Amino acid sequence: MPLIARLLASAADWFGAPAAAAPDLAGPAIAAAALLVHVARVDGSLAPVEHERLARLLHGGGLAASPAEALALIGRAIAVDDETRDFADLVARVGRDAPEAERLGLLGMAWAIAAADGTVHEFEDDLVWRLGQLLGFDDAAIAASRAIALAAQAPQGAAP
């Protein structure tokens, strides 16, 4: 049993609360979080601004029920990313047959992570573009997702 699950179970015992169900650490949510971590770390590190944006996206995007759960998910996603030999394996765990809206949401989150520091660098751009292809989107859909995500990141009055 993972440490987080043991801690939650112990806390439930101590305070008489029902134990929370353990999150699915092998399912699509952890794979999606690991993909986002991979995008954030493509330049070699997970910068604080990327970590903060990732936590907000995981919580706001419904992959984590609370900010604390988002932080725990990031920790596990880092481990999963470290253990994964091929980026495409994570995409396969998310599933190309997932609903299009979910896949587009993930792609938009990836663009938002890539732009977290204010610039989408070449490696980030290439990686997120490849993610879009692996998720089953054509170039037009990937470009549209990029434009939407970057426009949402741009300060008021600034061009993306």
C-alpha atoms as a PDB file:
ATOM      1  CA  MET A   1       0.000   0.000   0.000  1.00  0.00           C
ATOM      2  CA  PRO A   2       1.451   3.414  -0.971  1.00  0.00           C
ATOM      3  CA  LEU A   3       2.496   5.756   1.818  1.00  0.00           C
ATOM      4  CA  ILE A   4      -0.265   8.285   1.056  1.00  0.00           C
ATOM      5  CA  ALA A   5      -2.947   5.591   1.275  1.00  0.00           C
ATOM      6  CA  ARG A   6      -1.488   4.324   4.574  1.00  0.00           C
ATOM      7  CA  LEU A   7      -1.441   7.850   6.000  1.00  0.00           C
ATOM      8  CA  LEU A   8      -5.049   8.459   4.960  1.00  0.00           C
ATOM      9  CA  ALA A   9      -6.142   5.154   6.467  1.00  0.00           C
ATOM     10  CA  SER A  10      -4.276   5.904   9.713  1.00  0.00           C
ATOM     11  CA  ALA A  11      -5.809   9.373   9.929  1.00  0.00           C
ATOM     12  CA  ALA A  12      -9.256   7.863   9.384  1.00  0.00           C
ATOM     13  CA  ASP A  13      -8.613   5.385  12.222  1.00  0.00           C
ATOM     14  CA  TRP A  14      -7.308   8.074  14.579  1.00  0.00           C
ATOM     15  CA  PHE A  15     -10.195  10.464  14.010  1.00  0.00           C
ATOM     16  CA  GLY A  16     -12.955   7.900  13.500  1.00  0.00           C
ATOM     17  CA  ALA A  17     -13.624   9.037   9.941  1.00  0.00           C
ATOM     18  CA  PRO A  18     -14.373   6.581   7.162  1.00  0.00           C
ATOM     19  CA  ALA A  19     -11.302   5.792   5.115  1.00  0.00           C
ATOM     20  CA  ALA A  20     -11.191   7.490   1.737  1.00  0.00           C
ATOM     21  CA  ALA A  21     -10.956   5.317  -1.327  1.00  0.00           C
ATOM     22  CA  ALA A  22      -7.430   5.133  -2.649  1.00  0.00           C
ATOM     23  CA  PRO A  23      -6.972   6.897  -5.976  1.00  0.00           C
ATOM     24  CA  ASP A  24      -6.406   4.761  -9.055  1.00  0.00           C
ATOM     25  CA  LEU A  25      -2.659   5.116  -9.467  1.00  0.00           C
ATOM     26  CA  ALA A  26      -2.541   2.956 -12.567  1.00  0.00           C
ATOM     27  CA  GLY A  27      -5.417   4.544 -14.451  1.00  0.00           C
ATOM     28  CA  PRO A  28      -5.920   7.369 -16.887  1.00  0.00           C
ATOM     29  CA  ALA A  29      -5.744  10.160 -14.265  1.00  0.00           C
ATOM     30  CA  ILE A  30      -2.226   9.280 -13.134  1.00  0.00           C
ATOM     31  CA  ALA A  31      -1.154   8.751 -16.747  1.00  0.00           C
ATOM     32  CA  ALA A  32      -2.548  12.172 -17.693  1.00  0.00           C
ATOM     33  CA  ALA A  33      -0.784  13.798 -14.741  1.00  0.00           C
ATOM     34  CA  ALA A  34       2.471  12.025 -15.676  1.00  0.00           C
ATOM     35  CA  LEU A  35       2.156  13.298 -19.250  1.00  0.00           C
ATOM     36  CA  LEU A  36       1.800  16.840 -17.935  1.00  0.00           C
ATOM     37  CA  VAL A  37       4.799  16.349 -15.648  1.00  0.00           C
ATOM     38  CA  HIS A  38       6.762  15.065 -18.641  1.00  0.00           C
ATOM     39  CA  VAL A  39       5.877  18.207 -20.602  1.00  0.00           C
ATOM     40  CA  ALA A  40       6.902  20.405 -17.673  1.00  0.00           C
ATOM     41  CA  ARG A  41      10.223  18.592 -17.276  1.00  0.00           C
ATOM     42  CA  VAL A  42      11.176  18.361 -20.947  1.00  0.00           C
ATOM     43  CA  ASP A  43      13.702  21.145 -20.327  1.00  0.00           C
ATOM     44  CA  GLY A  44      15.283  19.165 -17.478  1.00  0.00           C
ATOM     45  CA  SER A  45      13.437  20.461 -14.417  1.00  0.00           C
ATOM     46  CA  LEU A  46      10.017  21.109 -12.944  1.00  0.00           C
ATOM     47  CA  ALA A  47      10.196  24.842 -12.272  1.00  0.00           C
ATOM     48  CA  PRO A  48       8.140  26.266  -9.397  1.00  0.00           C
ATOM     49  CA  VAL A  49       5.881  28.170 -11.802  1.00  0.00           C
ATOM     50  CA  GLU A  50       5.236  24.936 -13.714  1.00  0.00           C
ATOM     51  CA  HIS A  51       4.556  23.045 -10.474  1.00  0.00           C
ATOM     52  CA  GLU A  52       2.045  25.696  -9.363  1.00  0.00           C
ATOM     53  CA  ARG A  53       0.309  25.762 -12.750  1.00  0.00           C
ATOM     54  CA  LEU A  54       0.212  21.967 -12.816  1.00  0.00           C
ATOM     55  CA  ALA A  55      -1.407  21.807  -9.379  1.00  0.00           C
ATOM     56  CA  ARG A  56      -4.050  24.360 -10.423  1.00  0.00           C
ATOM     57  CA  LEU A  57      -4.754  22.523 -13.680  1.00  0.00           C
ATOM     58  CA  LEU A  58      -5.073  19.120 -12.011  1.00  0.00           C
ATOM     59  CA  HIS A  59      -7.467  20.499  -9.417  1.00  0.00           C
ATOM     60  CA  GLY A  60      -9.395  22.729 -11.834  1.00  0.00           C
ATOM     61  CA  GLY A  61      -9.478  20.049 -14.508  1.00  0.00           C
ATOM     62  CA  GLY A  62     -11.112  17.513 -12.234  1.00  0.00           C
ATOM     63  CA  LEU A  63      -8.153  15.150 -11.970  1.00  0.00           C
ATOM     64  CA  ALA A  64      -7.725  16.035  -8.274  1.00  0.00           C
ATOM     65  CA  ALA A  65     -10.525  16.792  -5.824  1.00  0.00           C
ATOM     66  CA  SER A  66      -8.518  19.300  -3.768  1.00  0.00           C
ATOM     67  CA  PRO A  67      -5.273  21.266  -3.898  1.00  0.00           C
ATOM     68  CA  ALA A  68      -3.721  18.781  -1.458  1.00  0.00           C
ATOM     69  CA  GLU A  69      -4.761  15.872  -3.659  1.00  0.00           C
ATOM     70  CA  ALA A  70      -3.290  17.693  -6.662  1.00  0.00           C
ATOM     71  CA  LEU A  71       0.064  17.947  -4.879  1.00  0.00           C
ATOM     72  CA  ALA A  72      -0.032  14.249  -3.996  1.00  0.00           C
ATOM     73  CA  LEU A  73      -0.934  13.422  -7.602  1.00  0.00           C
ATOM     74  CA  ILE A  74       2.028  15.455  -8.845  1.00  0.00           C
ATOM     75  CA  GLY A  75       4.350  13.511  -6.556  1.00  0.00           C
ATOM     76  CA  ARG A  76       3.067  10.191  -7.875  1.00  0.00           C
ATOM     77  CA  ALA A  77       3.072  11.489 -11.464  1.00  0.00           C
ATOM     78  CA  ILE A  78       6.748  12.393 -11.154  1.00  0.00           C
ATOM     79  CA  ALA A  79       7.499   8.830 -10.043  1.00  0.00           C
ATOM     80  CA  VAL A  80       5.410   7.381 -12.886  1.00  0.00           C
ATOM     81  CA  ASP A  81       7.149   9.643 -15.408  1.00  0.00           C
ATOM     82  CA  ASP A  82      10.533   8.536 -14.036  1.00  0.00           C
ATOM     83  CA  GLU A  83       9.514   4.870 -14.360  1.00  0.00           C
ATOM     84  CA  THR A  84       8.133   5.229 -17.891  1.00  0.00           C
ATOM     85  CA  ARG A  85      10.549   4.489 -20.683  1.00  0.00           C
ATOM     86  CA  ASP A  86       8.385   5.754 -23.555  1.00  0.00           C
ATOM     87  CA  PHE A  87       6.138   8.811 -23.636  1.00  0.00           C
ATOM     88  CA  ALA A  88       3.756   6.903 -25.910  1.00  0.00           C
ATOM     89  CA  ASP A  89       3.135   4.373 -23.109  1.00  0.00           C
ATOM     90  CA  LEU A  90       1.587   7.136 -21.006  1.00  0.00           C
ATOM     91  CA  VAL A  91      -0.587   8.201 -23.928  1.00  0.00           C
ATOM     92  CA  ALA A  92      -1.730   4.597 -24.358  1.00  0.00           C
ATOM     93  CA  ARG A  93      -2.728   4.522 -20.671  1.00  0.00           C
ATOM     94  CA  VAL A  94      -4.809   7.678 -21.147  1.00  0.00           C
ATOM     95  CA  GLY A  95      -6.411   6.003 -24.143  1.00  0.00           C
ATOM     96  CA  ARG A  96      -6.944   7.219 -27.663  1.00  0.00           C
ATOM     97  CA  ASP A  97     -10.517   6.026 -27.283  1.00  0.00           C
ATOM     98  CA  ALA A  98     -11.175   8.447 -24.402  1.00  0.00           C
ATOM     99  CA  PRO A  99     -13.836  10.998 -25.304  1.00  0.00           C
ATOM    100  CA  GLU A 100     -12.569  13.710 -27.630  1.00  0.00           C
ATOM    101  CA  ALA A 101     -13.396  16.463 -25.128  1.00  0.00           C
ATOM    102  CA  GLU A 102     -11.197  14.797 -22.483  1.00  0.00           C
ATOM    103  CA  ARG A 103      -8.330  14.342 -24.926  1.00  0.00           C
ATOM    104  CA  LEU A 104      -8.646  17.981 -26.056  1.00  0.00           C
ATOM    105  CA  GLY A 105      -8.707  19.079 -22.415  1.00  0.00           C
ATOM    106  CA  LEU A 106      -5.490  17.192 -21.754  1.00  0.00           C
ATOM    107  CA  LEU A 107      -3.883  18.709 -24.834  1.00  0.00           C
ATOM    108  CA  GLY A 108      -4.933  22.185 -23.703  1.00  0.00           C
ATOM    109  CA  MET A 109      -3.458  21.528 -20.252  1.00  0.00           C
ATOM    110  CA  ALA A 110      -0.208  20.416 -21.877  1.00  0.00           C
ATOM    111  CA  TRP A 111      -0.019  23.676 -23.846  1.00  0.00           C
ATOM    112  CA  ALA A 112      -0.743  25.618 -20.629  1.00  0.00           C
ATOM    113  CA  ILE A 113       2.094  23.805 -18.834  1.00  0.00           C
ATOM    114  CA  ALA A 114       4.443  24.429 -21.762  1.00  0.00           C
ATOM    115  CA  ALA A 115       3.608  28.151 -21.586  1.00  0.00           C
ATOM    116  CA  ALA A 116       3.780  28.397 -17.779  1.00  0.00           C
ATOM    117  CA  ASP A 117       7.076  30.306 -17.852  1.00  0.00           C
ATOM    118  CA  GLY A 118       5.789  32.731 -20.504  1.00  0.00           C
ATOM    119  CA  THR A 119       7.398  31.044 -23.505  1.00  0.00           C
ATOM    120  CA  VAL A 120       6.777  27.779 -25.328  1.00  0.00           C
ATOM    121  CA  HIS A 121      10.278  26.585 -26.125  1.00  0.00           C
ATOM    122  CA  GLU A 122      11.076  24.429 -29.155  1.00  0.00           C
ATOM    123  CA  PHE A 123      11.346  21.172 -27.192  1.00  0.00           C
ATOM    124  CA  GLU A 124       8.056  21.867 -25.435  1.00  0.00           C
ATOM    125  CA  ASP A 125       6.350  22.747 -28.698  1.00  0.00           C
ATOM    126  CA  ASP A 126       7.593  19.574 -30.381  1.00  0.00           C
ATOM    127  CA  LEU A 127       6.612  17.384 -27.427  1.00  0.00           C
ATOM    128  CA  VAL A 128       3.095  18.791 -27.062  1.00  0.00           C
ATOM    129  CA  TRP A 129       2.566  18.634 -30.814  1.00  0.00           C
ATOM    130  CA  ARG A 130       3.583  14.954 -30.716  1.00  0.00           C
ATOM    131  CA  LEU A 131       1.221  14.414 -27.781  1.00  0.00           C
ATOM    132  CA  GLY A 132      -1.609  15.827 -29.867  1.00  0.00           C
ATOM    133  CA  GLN A 133      -0.782  13.426 -32.696  1.00  0.00           C
ATOM    134  CA  LEU A 134      -0.626  10.459 -30.326  1.00  0.00           C
ATOM    135  CA  LEU A 135      -3.997  11.491 -28.890  1.00  0.00           C
ATOM    136  CA  GLY A 136      -5.411  11.191 -32.410  1.00  0.00           C
ATOM    137  CA  PHE A 137      -5.659  14.818 -33.507  1.00  0.00           C
ATOM    138  CA  ASP A 138      -4.681  16.263 -36.867  1.00  0.00           C
ATOM    139  CA  ASP A 139      -2.427  19.294 -37.278  1.00  0.00           C
ATOM    140  CA  ALA A 140      -5.357  21.716 -37.567  1.00  0.00           C
ATOM    141  CA  ALA A 141      -6.885  20.557 -34.270  1.00  0.00           C
ATOM    142  CA  ILE A 142      -3.497  20.699 -32.523  1.00  0.00           C
ATOM    143  CA  ALA A 143      -2.852  24.219 -33.829  1.00  0.00           C
ATOM    144  CA  ALA A 144      -6.324  25.334 -32.718  1.00  0.00           C
ATOM    145  CA  SER A 145      -5.758  23.868 -29.247  1.00  0.00           C
ATOM    146  CA  ARG A 146      -2.408  25.646 -29.048  1.00  0.00           C
ATOM    147  CA  ALA A 147      -3.912  28.975 -30.074  1.00  0.00           C
ATOM    148  CA  ILE A 148      -6.748  28.695 -27.556  1.00  0.00           C
ATOM    149  CA  ALA A 149      -4.466  27.670 -24.691  1.00  0.00           C
ATOM    150  CA  LEU A 150      -1.860  30.344 -25.406  1.00  0.00           C
ATOM    151  CA  ALA A 151      -4.502  33.049 -25.801  1.00  0.00           C
ATOM    152  CA  ALA A 152      -5.858  32.092 -22.376  1.00  0.00           C
ATOM    153  CA  GLN A 153      -2.333  32.401 -20.915  1.00  0.00           C
ATOM    154  CA  ALA A 154      -1.572  35.793 -22.465  1.00  0.00           C
ATOM    155  CA  PRO A 155      -1.966  38.888 -20.277  1.00  0.00           C
ATOM    156  CA  GLN A 156      -4.834  41.200 -21.246  1.00  0.00           C
ATOM    157  CA  GLY A 157      -3.911  43.214 -24.326  1.00  0.00           C
ATOM    158  CA  ALA A 158      -0.905  41.036 -25.226  1.00  0.00           C
ATOM    159  CA  ALA A 159      -0.653  38.858 -28.297  1.00  0.00           C
ATOM    160  CA  PRO A 160      -0.154  35.098 -27.717  1.00  0.00           C
END
